[in-house]
Amino acid sequence: MRAGCVLAPAADALEEQFAEQPLVRAQLHPALGTSYRELGLFSAAETQFRTALEIRQRELDAEHEDVALSLQILAAELAEKGD
């Protein structure tokens, strides 16, 4: 379990319960990332957004709208951090 956050059990459960459903995980990771961001846990948020993007890039065509959405979400997170 990821230490130090009330969201850690949710993150662990997401990986376990949807292990065979990567696109479901890709839908849930951004929601978890948003929750991390709202708690001020920006590194954990970025990890969730990157994970969603990686799953979608692996599972979908590069031009699929969900890949573009993940890129947009990650870009906005990085811009907010100044990266």
C-alpha atoms as a PDB file:
ATOM      1  CA  MET A   1       0.000   0.000   0.000  1.00  0.00           C
ATOM      2  CA  ARG A   2       1.156   3.530  -0.696  1.00  0.00           C
ATOM      3  CA  ALA A   3       1.994   5.160   2.593  1.00  0.00           C
ATOM      4  CA  GLY A   4       0.761   8.482   3.822  1.00  0.00           C
ATOM      5  CA  CYS A   5      -2.584   8.981   2.142  1.00  0.00           C
ATOM      6  CA  VAL A   6      -6.183   8.010   2.675  1.00  0.00           C
ATOM      7  CA  LEU A   7      -6.406   7.342  -1.074  1.00  0.00           C
ATOM      8  CA  ALA A   8      -3.772   4.602  -0.975  1.00  0.00           C
ATOM      9  CA  PRO A   9      -6.315   1.808  -0.400  1.00  0.00           C
ATOM     10  CA  ALA A  10      -8.360   3.059  -3.355  1.00  0.00           C
ATOM     11  CA  ALA A  11      -5.289   3.114  -5.593  1.00  0.00           C
ATOM     12  CA  ASP A  12      -4.363  -0.413  -4.542  1.00  0.00           C
ATOM     13  CA  ALA A  13      -7.924  -1.672  -4.995  1.00  0.00           C
ATOM     14  CA  LEU A  14      -8.103  -0.133  -8.452  1.00  0.00           C
ATOM     15  CA  GLU A  15      -5.078  -2.129  -9.571  1.00  0.00           C
ATOM     16  CA  GLU A  16      -6.282  -5.361  -7.980  1.00  0.00           C
ATOM     17  CA  GLN A  17      -9.983  -5.285  -8.835  1.00  0.00           C
ATOM     18  CA  PHE A  18      -9.501  -4.188 -12.431  1.00  0.00           C
ATOM     19  CA  ALA A  19      -6.251  -5.997 -13.200  1.00  0.00           C
ATOM     20  CA  GLU A  20      -7.765  -7.626 -16.298  1.00  0.00           C
ATOM     21  CA  GLN A  21      -9.592  -4.463 -17.412  1.00  0.00           C
ATOM     22  CA  PRO A  22      -6.944  -1.918 -18.383  1.00  0.00           C
ATOM     23  CA  LEU A  23      -9.350   0.512 -20.028  1.00  0.00           C
ATOM     24  CA  VAL A  24     -11.480   0.620 -16.897  1.00  0.00           C
ATOM     25  CA  ARG A  25      -8.325   1.406 -14.916  1.00  0.00           C
ATOM     26  CA  ALA A  26      -7.489   4.113 -17.465  1.00  0.00           C
ATOM     27  CA  GLN A  27     -10.871   5.730 -16.769  1.00  0.00           C
ATOM     28  CA  LEU A  28     -10.442   5.592 -12.997  1.00  0.00           C
ATOM     29  CA  HIS A  29      -6.832   6.764 -12.688  1.00  0.00           C
ATOM     30  CA  PRO A  30      -7.620  10.393 -13.666  1.00  0.00           C
ATOM     31  CA  ALA A  31     -10.373  10.602 -11.048  1.00  0.00           C
ATOM     32  CA  LEU A  32      -7.935   9.351  -8.453  1.00  0.00           C
ATOM     33  CA  GLY A  33      -5.337  11.808  -9.757  1.00  0.00           C
ATOM     34  CA  THR A  34      -7.769  14.675  -9.339  1.00  0.00           C
ATOM     35  CA  SER A  35      -8.405  13.617  -5.744  1.00  0.00           C
ATOM     36  CA  TYR A  36      -4.663  13.479  -5.059  1.00  0.00           C
ATOM     37  CA  ARG A  37      -4.264  16.958  -6.586  1.00  0.00           C
ATOM     38  CA  GLU A  38      -7.048  18.357  -4.408  1.00  0.00           C
ATOM     39  CA  LEU A  39      -5.170  17.021  -1.376  1.00  0.00           C
ATOM     40  CA  GLY A  40      -2.014  18.798  -2.559  1.00  0.00           C
ATOM     41  CA  LEU A  41      -0.283  15.529  -3.456  1.00  0.00           C
ATOM     42  CA  PHE A  42       0.900  16.661  -6.859  1.00  0.00           C
ATOM     43  CA  SER A  43       3.451  13.925  -7.506  1.00  0.00           C
ATOM     44  CA  ALA A  44       0.872  11.232  -6.781  1.00  0.00           C
ATOM     45  CA  ALA A  45      -1.620  13.035  -9.024  1.00  0.00           C
ATOM     46  CA  GLU A  46       0.870  13.162 -11.879  1.00  0.00           C
ATOM     47  CA  THR A  47       1.554   9.448 -11.449  1.00  0.00           C
ATOM     48  CA  GLN A  48      -2.147   8.673 -11.822  1.00  0.00           C
ATOM     49  CA  PHE A  49      -2.455  10.821 -14.950  1.00  0.00           C
ATOM     50  CA  ARG A  50       0.671   9.249 -16.478  1.00  0.00           C
ATOM     51  CA  THR A  51      -0.597   5.760 -15.719  1.00  0.00           C
ATOM     52  CA  ALA A  52      -3.885   6.452 -17.501  1.00  0.00           C
ATOM     53  CA  LEU A  53      -1.986   7.781 -20.516  1.00  0.00           C
ATOM     54  CA  GLU A  54       0.368   4.789 -20.613  1.00  0.00           C
ATOM     55  CA  ILE A  55      -2.525   2.330 -20.478  1.00  0.00           C
ATOM     56  CA  ARG A  56      -4.424   4.115 -23.218  1.00  0.00           C
ATOM     57  CA  GLN A  57      -1.351   4.377 -25.436  1.00  0.00           C
ATOM     58  CA  ARG A  58      -0.774   0.660 -25.023  1.00  0.00           C
ATOM     59  CA  GLU A  59      -4.410  -0.398 -25.515  1.00  0.00           C
ATOM     60  CA  LEU A  60      -5.753   2.091 -28.065  1.00  0.00           C
ATOM     61  CA  ASP A  61      -4.821   3.582 -31.397  1.00  0.00           C
ATOM     62  CA  ALA A  62      -2.507   6.576 -31.005  1.00  0.00           C
ATOM     63  CA  GLU A  63      -5.170   8.886 -32.446  1.00  0.00           C
ATOM     64  CA  HIS A  64      -8.011   7.643 -30.257  1.00  0.00           C
ATOM     65  CA  GLU A  65      -9.836  10.461 -28.456  1.00  0.00           C
ATOM     66  CA  ASP A  66      -9.144   8.882 -25.039  1.00  0.00           C
ATOM     67  CA  VAL A  67      -5.396   9.035 -25.711  1.00  0.00           C
ATOM     68  CA  ALA A  68      -5.783  12.708 -26.614  1.00  0.00           C
ATOM     69  CA  LEU A  69      -7.806  13.303 -23.448  1.00  0.00           C
ATOM     70  CA  SER A  70      -5.103  11.711 -21.301  1.00  0.00           C
ATOM     71  CA  LEU A  71      -2.447  13.828 -23.012  1.00  0.00           C
ATOM     72  CA  GLN A  72      -4.516  16.942 -22.361  1.00  0.00           C
ATOM     73  CA  ILE A  73      -5.031  16.100 -18.680  1.00  0.00           C
ATOM     74  CA  LEU A  74      -1.341  15.347 -18.150  1.00  0.00           C
ATOM     75  CA  ALA A  75      -0.283  18.488 -20.039  1.00  0.00           C
ATOM     76  CA  ALA A  76      -2.566  20.631 -17.886  1.00  0.00           C
ATOM     77  CA  GLU A  77      -1.142  19.069 -14.724  1.00  0.00           C
ATOM     78  CA  LEU A  78       2.434  19.667 -15.862  1.00  0.00           C
ATOM     79  CA  ALA A  79       1.648  23.248 -16.955  1.00  0.00           C
ATOM     80  CA  GLU A  80       0.136  23.967 -13.561  1.00  0.00           C
ATOM     81  CA  LYS A  81       3.384  22.777 -11.977  1.00  0.00           C
ATOM     82  CA  GLY A  82       5.406  24.887 -14.391  1.00  0.00           C
ATOM     83  CA  ASP A  83       6.904  21.890 -16.214  1.00  0.00           C
END
